[in-house]
Amino acid sequence: MKRTLNVAIVFLLAAGTAYFGYAVAAEQEKAKPAKAEAKGEQVTMTGQLSCTFCKLAHPDTSCKPECCMSCSKAGDPPMLTDAEGNMFLLLTGKMGEALMTPERVKMLGGQVTIKGMLVKGKGIQAIYVDSMEKAEAKAEVKAEAKKTEEKK
């Protein structure tokens, strides 16, 4: 009789644990944010990568890379300013992944080329960034090619 009672108790504990685990997993699934589907146009843009705080506080002067790194580490989103002075808030292109990787943080204050989806709405324009690379290397190659042509 005791053995039957012990088996029943073990069975009930196992069933309760399994149900509790299922209930917790179901609640966690409900808590996940729905995947946002942004609508916009695919773009490739080159401009200065800076922190939002400094670019809005003093738009006509360049911010030092150290300052932008500090602002970025504090949580300020990065911003791209193109040659015409248009400003674009930069957002991660992959939900749940950080936009500013250590390699990208090193690019703050410099010229970058960004590929991603441009979205506009209610006074804000932003780019969901798919890729970001340093643009200065491309400019140096063009300048070198121009010098070579002038020598000929």
C-alpha atoms as a PDB file:
ATOM      1  CA  MET A   1       0.000   0.000   0.000  1.00  0.00           C
ATOM      2  CA  LYS A   2       2.816   2.408   0.918  1.00  0.00           C
ATOM      3  CA  ARG A   3       4.555   1.568  -2.333  1.00  0.00           C
ATOM      4  CA  THR A   4       1.426   2.397  -4.359  1.00  0.00           C
ATOM      5  CA  LEU A   5       1.046   5.652  -2.448  1.00  0.00           C
ATOM      6  CA  ASN A   6       4.708   6.572  -3.061  1.00  0.00           C
ATOM      7  CA  VAL A   7       4.381   5.794  -6.792  1.00  0.00           C
ATOM      8  CA  ALA A   8       1.233   7.936  -6.975  1.00  0.00           C
ATOM      9  CA  ILE A   9       2.940  10.850  -5.227  1.00  0.00           C
ATOM     10  CA  VAL A  10       5.970  10.645  -7.532  1.00  0.00           C
ATOM     11  CA  PHE A  11       3.661  10.502 -10.553  1.00  0.00           C
ATOM     12  CA  LEU A  12       1.673  13.537  -9.374  1.00  0.00           C
ATOM     13  CA  LEU A  13       4.873  15.508  -8.697  1.00  0.00           C
ATOM     14  CA  ALA A  14       6.237  14.677 -12.151  1.00  0.00           C
ATOM     15  CA  ALA A  15       2.953  15.618 -13.847  1.00  0.00           C
ATOM     16  CA  GLY A  16       2.758  18.875 -11.869  1.00  0.00           C
ATOM     17  CA  THR A  17       6.342  19.787 -12.742  1.00  0.00           C
ATOM     18  CA  ALA A  18       5.741  19.087 -16.425  1.00  0.00           C
ATOM     19  CA  TYR A  19       2.553  21.186 -16.427  1.00  0.00           C
ATOM     20  CA  PHE A  20       4.295  24.041 -14.584  1.00  0.00           C
ATOM     21  CA  GLY A  21       7.187  23.972 -17.079  1.00  0.00           C
ATOM     22  CA  TYR A  22       4.721  24.076 -19.990  1.00  0.00           C
ATOM     23  CA  ALA A  23       2.806  26.972 -18.427  1.00  0.00           C
ATOM     24  CA  VAL A  24       5.993  28.983 -17.856  1.00  0.00           C
ATOM     25  CA  ALA A  25       7.145  28.369 -21.457  1.00  0.00           C
ATOM     26  CA  ALA A  26       3.742  29.456 -22.781  1.00  0.00           C
ATOM     27  CA  GLU A  27       3.906  32.694 -20.747  1.00  0.00           C
ATOM     28  CA  GLN A  28       7.421  33.419 -21.971  1.00  0.00           C
ATOM     29  CA  GLU A  29       6.302  32.943 -25.570  1.00  0.00           C
ATOM     30  CA  LYS A  30       3.436  35.416 -25.027  1.00  0.00           C
ATOM     31  CA  ALA A  31       5.873  37.950 -23.535  1.00  0.00           C
ATOM     32  CA  LYS A  32       8.117  37.992 -26.628  1.00  0.00           C
ATOM     33  CA  PRO A  33       7.627  41.146 -28.700  1.00  0.00           C
ATOM     34  CA  ALA A  34       6.057  40.696 -32.097  1.00  0.00           C
ATOM     35  CA  LYS A  35       8.531  41.048 -34.942  1.00  0.00           C
ATOM     36  CA  ALA A  36       8.275  44.539 -36.389  1.00  0.00           C
ATOM     37  CA  GLU A  37       7.938  44.713 -40.134  1.00  0.00           C
ATOM     38  CA  ALA A  38       9.358  48.032 -41.247  1.00  0.00           C
ATOM     39  CA  LYS A  39       8.408  49.356 -44.668  1.00  0.00           C
ATOM     40  CA  GLY A  40      10.753  51.598 -46.567  1.00  0.00           C
ATOM     41  CA  GLU A  41      13.281  51.706 -49.374  1.00  0.00           C
ATOM     42  CA  GLN A  42      16.674  50.038 -49.571  1.00  0.00           C
ATOM     43  CA  VAL A  43      19.464  52.643 -49.622  1.00  0.00           C
ATOM     44  CA  THR A  44      23.228  52.997 -49.607  1.00  0.00           C
ATOM     45  CA  MET A  45      24.404  56.225 -47.963  1.00  0.00           C
ATOM     46  CA  THR A  46      27.742  57.722 -47.027  1.00  0.00           C
ATOM     47  CA  GLY A  47      28.171  60.311 -44.305  1.00  0.00           C
ATOM     48  CA  GLN A  48      29.548  61.109 -40.884  1.00  0.00           C
ATOM     49  CA  LEU A  49      28.752  58.682 -38.074  1.00  0.00           C
ATOM     50  CA  SER A  50      28.188  60.468 -34.773  1.00  0.00           C
ATOM     51  CA  CYS A  51      26.168  60.334 -31.588  1.00  0.00           C
ATOM     52  CA  THR A  52      22.692  61.853 -31.587  1.00  0.00           C
ATOM     53  CA  PHE A  53      23.310  63.974 -28.487  1.00  0.00           C
ATOM     54  CA  CYS A  54      26.289  65.854 -29.896  1.00  0.00           C
ATOM     55  CA  LYS A  55      24.929  66.178 -33.428  1.00  0.00           C
ATOM     56  CA  LEU A  56      21.747  67.818 -32.159  1.00  0.00           C
ATOM     57  CA  ALA A  57      23.528  69.900 -29.503  1.00  0.00           C
ATOM     58  CA  HIS A  58      26.110  71.371 -31.915  1.00  0.00           C
ATOM     59  CA  PRO A  59      25.251  70.382 -35.502  1.00  0.00           C
ATOM     60  CA  ASP A  60      27.826  72.655 -37.158  1.00  0.00           C
ATOM     61  CA  THR A  61      30.882  71.286 -35.364  1.00  0.00           C
ATOM     62  CA  SER A  62      32.398  67.839 -35.475  1.00  0.00           C
ATOM     63  CA  CYS A  63      32.376  65.767 -32.354  1.00  0.00           C
ATOM     64  CA  LYS A  64      35.570  64.040 -31.246  1.00  0.00           C
ATOM     65  CA  PRO A  65      35.468  60.240 -31.578  1.00  0.00           C
ATOM     66  CA  GLU A  66      36.105  59.841 -27.826  1.00  0.00           C
ATOM     67  CA  CYS A  67      33.026  61.938 -27.048  1.00  0.00           C
ATOM     68  CA  CYS A  68      30.854  59.946 -29.455  1.00  0.00           C
ATOM     69  CA  MET A  69      32.129  56.676 -27.952  1.00  0.00           C
ATOM     70  CA  SER A  70      31.190  57.915 -24.493  1.00  0.00           C
ATOM     71  CA  CYS A  71      27.703  58.925 -25.654  1.00  0.00           C
ATOM     72  CA  SER A  72      27.236  55.611 -27.466  1.00  0.00           C
ATOM     73  CA  LYS A  73      28.251  53.615 -24.385  1.00  0.00           C
ATOM     74  CA  ALA A  74      25.746  55.687 -22.387  1.00  0.00           C
ATOM     75  CA  GLY A  75      22.990  54.517 -24.731  1.00  0.00           C
ATOM     76  CA  ASP A  76      22.632  57.356 -27.243  1.00  0.00           C
ATOM     77  CA  PRO A  77      21.694  56.021 -30.671  1.00  0.00           C
ATOM     78  CA  PRO A  78      24.112  56.756 -33.500  1.00  0.00           C
ATOM     79  CA  MET A  79      23.278  59.160 -36.298  1.00  0.00           C
ATOM     80  CA  LEU A  80      24.420  59.484 -39.907  1.00  0.00           C
ATOM     81  CA  THR A  81      24.705  62.956 -41.433  1.00  0.00           C
ATOM     82  CA  ASP A  82      25.004  63.035 -45.225  1.00  0.00           C
ATOM     83  CA  ALA A  83      26.821  65.632 -47.374  1.00  0.00           C
ATOM     84  CA  GLU A  84      23.662  67.798 -47.591  1.00  0.00           C
ATOM     85  CA  GLY A  85      23.293  67.907 -43.799  1.00  0.00           C
ATOM     86  CA  ASN A  86      20.348  65.482 -43.628  1.00  0.00           C
ATOM     87  CA  MET A  87      20.350  63.494 -40.393  1.00  0.00           C
ATOM     88  CA  PHE A  88      19.311  59.849 -40.103  1.00  0.00           C
ATOM     89  CA  LEU A  89      18.792  57.972 -36.869  1.00  0.00           C
ATOM     90  CA  LEU A  90      20.472  54.565 -37.130  1.00  0.00           C
ATOM     91  CA  LEU A  91      18.738  51.443 -35.847  1.00  0.00           C
ATOM     92  CA  THR A  92      19.684  47.808 -35.814  1.00  0.00           C
ATOM     93  CA  GLY A  93      18.599  45.859 -38.876  1.00  0.00           C
ATOM     94  CA  LYS A  94      18.222  42.670 -36.828  1.00  0.00           C
ATOM     95  CA  MET A  95      15.809  42.728 -33.918  1.00  0.00           C
ATOM     96  CA  GLY A  96      17.494  41.816 -30.659  1.00  0.00           C
ATOM     97  CA  GLU A  97      21.052  42.417 -31.924  1.00  0.00           C
ATOM     98  CA  ALA A  98      23.190  45.394 -31.000  1.00  0.00           C
ATOM     99  CA  LEU A  99      23.854  47.882 -33.795  1.00  0.00           C
ATOM    100  CA  MET A 100      27.051  49.308 -32.343  1.00  0.00           C
ATOM    101  CA  THR A 101      29.507  46.434 -32.195  1.00  0.00           C
ATOM    102  CA  PRO A 102      33.038  47.164 -30.908  1.00  0.00           C
ATOM    103  CA  GLU A 103      34.237  47.454 -34.534  1.00  0.00           C
ATOM    104  CA  ARG A 104      31.496  49.968 -35.361  1.00  0.00           C
ATOM    105  CA  VAL A 105      32.094  52.014 -32.206  1.00  0.00           C
ATOM    106  CA  LYS A 106      35.640  52.621 -33.492  1.00  0.00           C
ATOM    107  CA  MET A 107      34.103  54.266 -36.603  1.00  0.00           C
ATOM    108  CA  LEU A 108      32.284  56.975 -34.593  1.00  0.00           C
ATOM    109  CA  GLY A 109      33.288  60.450 -35.704  1.00  0.00           C
ATOM    110  CA  GLY A 110      34.393  59.206 -39.124  1.00  0.00           C
ATOM    111  CA  GLN A 111      32.925  58.720 -42.569  1.00  0.00           C
ATOM    112  CA  VAL A 112      30.985  55.491 -43.141  1.00  0.00           C
ATOM    113  CA  THR A 113      28.925  53.875 -45.863  1.00  0.00           C
ATOM    114  CA  ILE A 114      25.700  52.318 -44.673  1.00  0.00           C
ATOM    115  CA  LYS A 115      23.335  49.937 -46.450  1.00  0.00           C
ATOM    116  CA  GLY A 116      19.877  49.382 -45.080  1.00  0.00           C
ATOM    117  CA  MET A 117      16.208  50.292 -45.177  1.00  0.00           C
ATOM    118  CA  LEU A 118      15.286  53.978 -45.011  1.00  0.00           C
ATOM    119  CA  VAL A 119      12.015  54.637 -43.177  1.00  0.00           C
ATOM    120  CA  LYS A 120      10.302  57.966 -42.657  1.00  0.00           C
ATOM    121  CA  GLY A 121       7.412  58.845 -40.417  1.00  0.00           C
ATOM    122  CA  LYS A 122       6.042  61.670 -38.308  1.00  0.00           C
ATOM    123  CA  GLY A 123       9.114  63.870 -38.598  1.00  0.00           C
ATOM    124  CA  ILE A 124      11.747  61.170 -38.131  1.00  0.00           C
ATOM    125  CA  GLN A 125      13.883  59.491 -40.740  1.00  0.00           C
ATOM    126  CA  ALA A 126      15.822  56.414 -39.766  1.00  0.00           C
ATOM    127  CA  ILE A 127      17.818  53.638 -41.368  1.00  0.00           C
ATOM    128  CA  TYR A 128      17.586  50.015 -40.274  1.00  0.00           C
ATOM    129  CA  VAL A 129      21.258  49.175 -40.844  1.00  0.00           C
ATOM    130  CA  ASP A 130      22.186  45.950 -42.628  1.00  0.00           C
ATOM    131  CA  SER A 131      25.868  46.808 -43.112  1.00  0.00           C
ATOM    132  CA  MET A 132      28.300  49.559 -42.145  1.00  0.00           C
ATOM    133  CA  GLU A 133      31.853  50.058 -43.327  1.00  0.00           C
ATOM    134  CA  LYS A 134      34.477  52.742 -43.086  1.00  0.00           C
ATOM    135  CA  ALA A 135      34.218  55.071 -46.107  1.00  0.00           C
ATOM    136  CA  GLU A 136      37.633  56.743 -45.840  1.00  0.00           C
ATOM    137  CA  ALA A 137      39.357  53.784 -47.461  1.00  0.00           C
ATOM    138  CA  LYS A 138      37.224  54.260 -50.571  1.00  0.00           C
ATOM    139  CA  ALA A 139      37.982  57.998 -50.654  1.00  0.00           C
ATOM    140  CA  GLU A 140      41.718  57.307 -50.330  1.00  0.00           C
ATOM    141  CA  VAL A 141      41.575  54.851 -53.249  1.00  0.00           C
ATOM    142  CA  LYS A 142      39.789  57.456 -55.410  1.00  0.00           C
ATOM    143  CA  ALA A 143      42.329  60.142 -54.439  1.00  0.00           C
ATOM    144  CA  GLU A 144      45.218  57.811 -55.238  1.00  0.00           C
ATOM    145  CA  ALA A 145      43.674  56.933 -58.614  1.00  0.00           C
ATOM    146  CA  LYS A 146      43.254  60.648 -59.384  1.00  0.00           C
ATOM    147  CA  LYS A 147      46.927  61.358 -58.526  1.00  0.00           C
ATOM    148  CA  THR A 148      48.008  58.510 -60.788  1.00  0.00           C
ATOM    149  CA  GLU A 149      45.961  59.915 -63.686  1.00  0.00           C
ATOM    150  CA  GLU A 150      47.425  63.409 -63.185  1.00  0.00           C
ATOM    151  CA  LYS A 151      50.987  62.064 -63.395  1.00  0.00           C
ATOM    152  CA  LYS A 152      50.300  60.514 -66.810  1.00  0.00           C
END
